[in-house]
Protein backbone atom coordinates (compact mmCIF):
# COMPACT_ATOMS: atom_id res chain seq x y z
CA UNK A 1 2.37 -5.97 -36.15
CA UNK A 2 5.99 -7.15 -36.07
CA UNK A 3 8.08 -6.39 -33.00
CA UNK A 4 11.85 -6.19 -32.92
CA UNK A 5 14.57 -5.70 -30.37
CA UNK A 6 15.01 -2.22 -28.97
CA UNK A 7 17.57 -0.70 -26.63
CA UNK A 8 17.07 1.44 -23.56
CA UNK A 9 20.55 2.58 -22.69
CA UNK A 10 22.52 -0.65 -22.57
CA UNK A 11 19.46 -2.81 -21.91
CA UNK A 12 18.13 -4.93 -24.77
CA UNK A 13 14.38 -5.58 -25.00
CA UNK A 14 13.65 -8.30 -27.56
CA UNK A 15 10.00 -8.49 -28.59
CA UNK A 16 10.56 -11.01 -31.39
CA UNK A 17 8.53 -13.62 -29.46
CA UNK A 18 5.76 -11.20 -28.46
CA UNK A 19 3.70 -11.59 -26.26
CA UNK A 20 6.91 -12.66 -24.56
CA UNK A 21 9.50 -9.91 -24.14
CA UNK A 22 13.07 -10.91 -23.31
CA UNK A 23 14.89 -8.26 -21.29
CA UNK A 24 18.68 -8.36 -21.04
CA UNK A 25 19.86 -5.59 -18.72
CA UNK A 26 23.22 -3.96 -19.37
CA UNK A 27 26.19 -5.71 -17.75
CA UNK A 28 27.26 -2.28 -16.48
CA UNK A 29 23.92 -1.59 -14.81
CA UNK A 30 21.47 1.27 -15.31
CA UNK A 31 22.03 4.99 -15.19
CA UNK A 32 19.14 6.67 -13.36
CA UNK A 33 17.74 8.03 -16.63
CA UNK A 34 18.02 4.65 -18.36
CA UNK A 35 16.33 2.93 -15.43
CA UNK A 36 13.32 5.26 -15.55
CA UNK A 37 13.18 4.89 -19.35
CA UNK A 38 13.17 1.12 -18.92
CA UNK A 39 10.25 1.35 -16.46
CA UNK A 40 8.35 3.48 -18.99
CA UNK A 41 9.05 0.94 -21.73
CA UNK A 42 7.63 -1.90 -19.65
CA UNK A 43 4.55 0.26 -18.92
CA UNK A 44 3.99 0.50 -22.69
CA UNK A 45 3.58 -3.28 -22.84
CA UNK A 46 0.55 -2.97 -20.57
CA UNK A 47 -0.96 -0.36 -22.88
CA UNK A 48 -1.14 -2.88 -25.74
CA UNK A 49 -4.19 -4.41 -24.11
CA UNK A 50 -3.09 -8.04 -24.25
CA UNK A 51 -1.64 -10.63 -21.92
CA UNK A 52 2.17 -10.90 -21.89
CA UNK A 53 5.13 -12.32 -20.00
CA UNK A 54 8.58 -10.94 -19.29
CA UNK A 55 11.75 -13.03 -19.34
CA UNK A 56 14.55 -11.12 -17.60
CA UNK A 57 18.10 -12.42 -18.11
CA UNK A 58 19.98 -11.40 -14.96
CA UNK A 59 23.06 -13.57 -15.50
CA UNK A 60 25.45 -10.74 -16.46
CA UNK A 61 23.74 -7.94 -14.59
CA UNK A 62 24.98 -6.31 -11.40
CA UNK A 63 22.53 -6.37 -8.49
CA UNK A 64 20.23 -3.35 -8.66
CA UNK A 65 20.15 -1.02 -5.68
CA UNK A 66 17.45 -1.02 -3.01
CA UNK A 67 16.15 2.28 -4.43
CA UNK A 68 15.93 0.78 -7.93
CA UNK A 69 14.11 -2.28 -6.57
CA UNK A 70 11.64 -0.01 -4.78
CA UNK A 71 11.07 2.14 -7.89
CA UNK A 72 10.60 -0.92 -10.09
CA UNK A 73 8.13 -2.41 -7.61
CA UNK A 74 6.17 0.87 -7.45
CA UNK A 75 6.06 1.13 -11.24
CA UNK A 76 4.87 -2.47 -11.59
CA UNK A 77 2.20 -1.92 -8.92
CA UNK A 78 0.92 1.16 -10.75
CA UNK A 79 0.81 -0.67 -14.09
CA UNK A 80 -0.90 -3.70 -12.57
CA UNK A 81 -3.60 -1.51 -11.04
CA UNK A 82 -4.23 0.29 -14.34
CA UNK A 83 -4.12 -2.88 -16.46
CA UNK A 84 -5.13 -5.90 -14.37
CA UNK A 85 -4.62 -9.37 -15.80
CA UNK A 86 -2.24 -8.44 -18.60
CA UNK A 87 1.10 -9.36 -17.04
CA UNK A 88 0.90 -13.16 -16.73
CA UNK A 89 4.37 -13.76 -15.36
CA UNK A 90 7.98 -12.78 -14.94
CA UNK A 91 10.64 -15.43 -15.46
CA UNK A 92 14.11 -14.58 -14.22
CA UNK A 93 17.16 -16.23 -15.77
CA UNK A 94 19.80 -16.48 -13.07
CA UNK A 95 23.22 -18.05 -12.66
CA UNK A 96 23.68 -17.87 -8.90
CA UNK A 97 21.88 -17.59 -5.58
CA UNK A 98 22.49 -13.83 -5.23
CA UNK A 99 20.59 -13.15 -8.45
CA UNK A 100 17.87 -15.60 -7.42
CA UNK A 101 17.61 -13.69 -4.12
CA UNK A 102 17.17 -10.34 -5.89
CA UNK A 103 14.42 -11.84 -8.05
CA UNK A 104 12.71 -13.16 -4.90
CA UNK A 105 12.96 -9.79 -3.13
CA UNK A 106 11.23 -8.10 -6.08
CA UNK A 107 8.35 -10.55 -5.82
CA UNK A 108 7.99 -9.67 -2.14
CA UNK A 109 7.83 -5.95 -2.91
CA UNK A 110 5.03 -6.24 -5.46
CA UNK A 111 1.62 -7.50 -4.41
CA UNK A 112 1.53 -9.61 -7.51
CA UNK A 113 -1.36 -11.24 -9.28
CA UNK A 114 1.12 -12.84 -11.70
CA UNK A 115 3.40 -15.86 -11.55
CA UNK A 116 7.16 -15.73 -11.05
CA UNK A 117 9.87 -18.33 -11.48
CA UNK A 118 13.66 -18.55 -11.87
CA UNK A 119 15.49 -20.64 -14.47
CA UNK A 120 19.09 -21.36 -15.50
CA UNK A 121 18.45 -20.76 -19.25
CA UNK A 122 16.45 -18.44 -21.48
CA UNK A 123 14.95 -21.45 -23.27
CA UNK A 124 13.51 -22.86 -20.04
CA UNK A 125 12.17 -19.42 -19.08
CA UNK A 126 10.52 -18.93 -22.50
CA UNK A 127 8.92 -22.39 -22.31
CA UNK A 128 7.49 -21.50 -18.90
CA UNK A 129 6.21 -18.14 -20.24
CA UNK A 130 4.48 -19.90 -23.15
CA UNK A 131 2.72 -22.23 -20.71
CA UNK A 132 1.61 -19.27 -18.57
CA UNK A 133 0.19 -17.48 -21.61
CA UNK A 134 -1.66 -20.66 -22.66
CA UNK A 135 -3.43 -20.87 -19.29
CA UNK A 136 -6.92 -19.43 -19.07
CA UNK A 137 -6.90 -15.85 -17.82
């Protein structure tokens, strides 16, 4: 099956490197409807029944609200309980310490059985994701 880039509102989800999905959130942020649609889209990755990694490019994205962080954490927790072992890692691509801090806060909110890391480039994040997927489950 061939995967392509899709859009949820202004957020691009590129599955061309599946089982690595590259998420580029909209530079204008999420509307509430778009945010919930994005959470549903990520849940669909779990339903494929295979291990995967997310690379999230936060460099042009405004900081998400505390409510959005909470919702995202709850959605991830639910998906992880339903589909253990499938999400191998989340790599954040960040350009400053504020974005790195948001990525760290999300890892605190989710009791995570997956790896996380922050990188300055998409290429470095994708390399890390490939290594995570190559590790034994």
